[in-house]
Structure formats: C-alpha cells, structure tokens
Amino acid sequence: MEELELILASVKQEMDAAIKHLEYAFQKIRAGRASTTMVQDVMVEYYGVPTPINQVANVSIPDAMTIAIQPWDKTAINAIEKGIIVSNLGFAPSNNGEMIILNVPPLTEERRRELVKQAKVETEATKVTVRNARQDGNKELKRLESVSEDIIKSTEAQIQELTDLYIKKSDEQFKIKEAEIMKV
C-alpha cells in the first residue's frame, strides 16, 4: 500500500529531523573545548546590516582553549567585538587591532552540571518531537478507510518500533554528550 509507505516515510523523516536538531543543539553546548560553532550564531552590525560573523571574518581555533576571529575588513573589528558582547556568550573578547581573541575558560563543576541539564532538556524536547511524529503517523493511519484493521495494527507496530529506535538514539547521544561535558 503506497499510502502506508508514505505515512511511514513521513514519520521516519520527522524523527530523523528531530535527531539532526539534537545534534545541532549539542554542537552549541560547549564541552570545555573551543569550537567555531560557539560563535556561529553571532550577528555583526556590518555597514548597518546584521550579518553572520562567518561572512565578515575568518573564525579559527588555534588551540583547544582559544577562538581567533580575523576580520576581512579591519574596519569591522569593533562591530565584531560588539556583536560578541551583545550575543551574551560569556566570553571577554580581546582586540589587538588585527584580530579578536576569545579565551574559552575551563568549565567549573557547577557549570558542567548546568550544561548537562541543558543537554537533558534538549534530549527531552527531541523525545517529545519523536513521540509527536508517532502520534501524527497513527492519526494518519486512522484516517485511511480502505485498509484492513490488521494492516493498520501492523503499521502502528512499525511506527512504534521507529519511535523506540529514535528515543534510544537520543538517549545514546545524550550519554555521549554528558560524558564529553563531565570529562575534566
């Protein structure tokens, strides 16, 4: 049945998107090491237009605890510095006239626990999205009139298997991120 395959594909696609979103969210939760993803959402006021930082400067990681931001246009250095401060990332930018250096401070035990809680919240949100995809799929199944009860039950079981699989994936990703955050 083509309709059933479409419903299953749609449910799987929604669940895949939820896991991708979780991975993206986890990239933003820093684990004590510098990463370009920490500043990727910083917007810089460049000639009056809010512009992503990676479109006005080269962002690099010279070592595990430093982010270097080299503007392509030296006149933008103050705007970049202001954008970092306004973005409230918790970094104190140092500007040497050529580039901006962000020192990533080592995480305290308390901050690590906060980051684990943040990761847990993201994981739970992902699980809710996965369950909502299951619910949407089951609703679609109920709308089908030309399909026997047995086929609907079988398809519901397949949707539940997908749900269990994606819930397990999100838990596994959380465990990996938690270990990464708590590692000193």
Protein backbone atom coordinates (compact mmCIF):
# COMPACT_ATOMS: atom_id res chain seq x y z
CA MET A 1 0.00 0.00 0.00
CA GLU A 2 1.53 3.24 -1.17
CA GLU A 3 -0.36 5.33 1.43
CA LEU A 4 1.09 3.26 4.28
CA GLU A 5 4.62 3.60 2.92
CA LEU A 6 4.15 7.37 2.64
CA ILE A 7 2.97 7.59 6.25
CA LEU A 8 5.94 5.51 7.46
CA ALA A 9 8.38 7.59 5.38
CA SER A 10 6.88 10.81 6.74
CA VAL A 11 7.17 9.60 10.35
CA LYS A 12 10.77 8.48 9.80
CA GLN A 13 11.64 11.82 8.16
CA GLU A 14 10.21 13.78 11.14
CA MET A 15 12.16 11.59 13.58
CA ASP A 16 15.38 12.00 11.55
CA ALA A 17 14.89 15.76 11.64
CA ALA A 18 14.47 15.63 15.44
CA ILE A 19 17.79 13.77 15.83
CA LYS A 20 19.55 16.21 13.46
CA HIS A 21 18.21 19.11 15.51
CA LEU A 22 19.52 17.44 18.69
CA GLU A 23 22.97 17.06 17.12
CA TYR A 24 22.93 20.74 16.14
CA ALA A 25 21.83 21.78 19.64
CA PHE A 26 24.58 19.66 21.18
CA GLN A 27 27.20 21.37 19.00
CA LYS A 28 26.30 24.66 20.69
CA ILE A 29 26.70 23.25 24.18
CA ARG A 30 30.38 23.64 24.78
CA ALA A 31 32.29 20.89 26.50
CA GLY A 32 35.31 22.86 27.67
CA ARG A 33 36.98 22.99 24.26
CA ALA A 34 36.91 25.85 21.79
CA SER A 35 34.78 25.32 18.69
CA THR A 36 33.76 27.56 15.79
CA THR A 37 30.13 26.55 16.43
CA MET A 38 30.25 28.57 19.67
CA VAL A 39 30.22 31.82 17.68
CA GLN A 40 28.41 30.77 14.50
CA ASP A 41 25.15 32.48 15.54
CA VAL A 42 26.82 35.81 16.43
CA MET A 43 25.44 38.63 14.30
CA VAL A 44 27.65 41.62 13.45
CA GLU A 45 26.30 45.05 12.50
CA TYR A 46 28.23 45.42 9.22
CA TYR A 47 27.51 48.63 7.29
CA GLY A 48 24.14 48.82 9.02
CA VAL A 49 23.12 45.26 8.16
CA PRO A 50 23.08 42.39 10.70
CA THR A 51 25.47 39.84 9.19
CA PRO A 52 26.60 36.40 10.45
CA ILE A 53 30.14 36.56 11.86
CA ASN A 54 31.46 33.98 9.36
CA GLN A 55 30.55 36.35 6.50
CA VAL A 56 32.74 39.19 7.80
CA ALA A 57 35.65 37.28 9.33
CA ASN A 58 37.64 34.08 9.35
CA VAL A 59 36.91 32.11 12.54
CA SER A 60 39.59 29.61 13.56
CA ILE A 61 40.71 27.52 16.52
CA PRO A 62 44.48 27.96 17.10
CA ASP A 63 44.35 25.73 20.20
CA ALA A 64 41.83 23.87 22.39
CA MET A 65 41.05 26.92 24.54
CA THR A 66 41.14 29.79 22.01
CA ILE A 67 38.93 31.11 19.21
CA ALA A 68 40.60 33.55 16.80
CA ILE A 69 38.47 35.88 14.67
CA GLN A 70 40.30 37.65 11.83
CA PRO A 71 38.09 40.23 10.06
CA TRP A 72 38.47 40.52 6.30
CA ASP A 73 37.82 44.26 6.64
CA LYS A 74 39.81 45.81 9.51
CA THR A 75 37.13 48.49 9.98
CA ALA A 76 34.70 45.78 11.12
CA ILE A 77 36.77 44.71 14.13
CA ASN A 78 34.86 46.89 16.64
CA ALA A 79 31.50 45.77 15.24
CA ILE A 80 32.58 42.14 15.60
CA GLU A 81 33.70 42.74 19.17
CA LYS A 82 30.36 44.40 19.97
CA GLY A 83 28.45 41.53 18.32
CA ILE A 84 30.24 39.00 20.54
CA ILE A 85 29.50 41.00 23.69
CA VAL A 86 25.83 41.51 22.73
CA SER A 87 25.40 37.80 21.93
CA ASN A 88 25.94 37.06 25.65
CA LEU A 89 28.15 34.00 25.14
CA GLY A 90 30.10 34.67 28.30
CA PHE A 91 33.37 35.47 26.50
CA ALA A 92 35.50 38.56 27.09
CA PRO A 93 36.90 39.39 23.64
CA SER A 94 40.40 40.84 23.45
CA ASN A 95 41.06 43.03 20.41
CA ASN A 96 44.66 43.58 19.32
CA GLY A 97 43.75 45.75 16.32
CA GLU A 98 44.36 42.88 13.86
CA MET A 99 42.10 40.17 15.24
CA ILE A 100 39.85 39.27 18.15
CA ILE A 101 40.89 36.52 20.52
CA LEU A 102 38.36 34.68 22.69
CA ASN A 103 39.77 32.63 25.53
CA VAL A 104 37.46 29.78 26.44
CA PRO A 105 37.67 29.46 30.21
CA PRO A 106 37.86 25.98 31.69
CA LEU A 107 34.49 24.80 32.96
CA THR A 108 33.75 24.71 36.66
CA GLU A 109 31.98 21.68 38.15
CA GLU A 110 28.82 23.78 38.62
CA ARG A 111 28.89 24.99 35.01
CA ARG A 112 29.38 21.42 33.78
CA ARG A 113 26.27 20.34 35.68
CA GLU A 114 24.31 23.25 34.16
CA LEU A 115 25.44 22.20 30.67
CA VAL A 116 24.40 18.59 31.35
CA LYS A 117 20.95 19.87 32.42
CA GLN A 118 20.78 21.92 29.22
CA ALA A 119 21.66 18.83 27.18
CA LYS A 120 19.00 16.85 29.06
CA VAL A 121 16.37 19.49 28.22
CA GLU A 122 17.32 19.28 24.53
CA THR A 123 17.13 15.47 24.68
CA GLU A 124 13.68 15.55 26.27
CA ALA A 125 12.47 18.03 23.63
CA THR A 126 13.73 15.64 20.95
CA LYS A 127 11.85 12.74 22.54
CA VAL A 128 8.66 14.83 22.57
CA THR A 129 9.14 15.58 18.86
CA VAL A 130 9.66 11.86 18.14
CA ARG A 131 6.50 10.95 20.07
CA ASN A 132 4.54 13.67 18.27
CA ALA A 133 5.70 12.19 14.94
CA ARG A 134 4.41 8.79 16.13
CA GLN A 135 1.09 10.36 17.11
CA ASP A 136 0.76 12.14 13.75
CA GLY A 137 1.51 8.89 11.90
CA ASN A 138 -1.07 6.96 13.91
CA LYS A 139 -3.69 9.69 13.24
CA GLU A 140 -2.98 9.43 9.52
CA LEU A 141 -3.44 5.65 9.71
CA LYS A 142 -6.82 6.04 11.40
CA ARG A 143 -7.97 8.27 8.53
CA LEU A 144 -7.39 5.52 5.98
CA GLU A 145 -10.71 3.80 5.31
CA SER A 146 -9.78 1.32 2.61
CA VAL A 147 -7.26 -0.53 4.80
CA SER A 148 -8.00 -3.53 6.99
CA GLU A 149 -7.67 -3.38 10.79
CA ASP A 150 -4.82 -5.93 10.74
CA ILE A 151 -2.72 -3.86 8.34
CA ILE A 152 -3.30 -0.74 10.45
CA LYS A 153 -2.23 -2.61 13.62
CA SER A 154 0.87 -3.91 11.83
CA THR A 155 1.80 -0.42 10.60
CA GLU A 156 1.21 1.03 14.09
CA ALA A 157 3.65 -1.57 15.40
CA GLN A 158 6.23 -0.47 12.80
CA ILE A 159 5.74 3.17 13.84
CA GLN A 160 6.22 2.16 17.49
CA GLU A 161 9.46 0.34 16.57
CA LEU A 162 10.70 3.51 14.86
CA THR A 163 9.73 5.54 17.94
CA ASP A 164 11.62 3.20 20.26
CA LEU A 165 14.67 3.30 17.98
CA TYR A 166 14.77 7.12 17.83
CA ILE A 167 14.16 7.50 21.59
CA LYS A 168 17.10 5.14 22.13
CA LYS A 169 19.25 7.16 19.66
CA SER A 170 18.52 10.39 21.52
CA ASP A 171 19.38 8.76 24.87
CA GLU A 172 22.66 7.44 23.44
CA GLN A 173 23.56 10.88 22.08
CA PHE A 174 22.81 12.39 25.49
CA LYS A 175 25.07 9.87 27.25
CA ILE A 176 27.94 10.71 24.85
CA LYS A 177 27.43 14.47 25.32
CA GLU A 178 27.15 14.11 29.11
CA ALA A 179 30.45 12.17 29.22
CA GLU A 180 32.07 14.82 27.00
CA ILE A 181 30.86 17.66 29.25
CA MET A 182 31.82 15.99 32.52
CA LYS A 183 35.30 14.94 31.31
CA VAL A 184 37.84 17.17 33.02
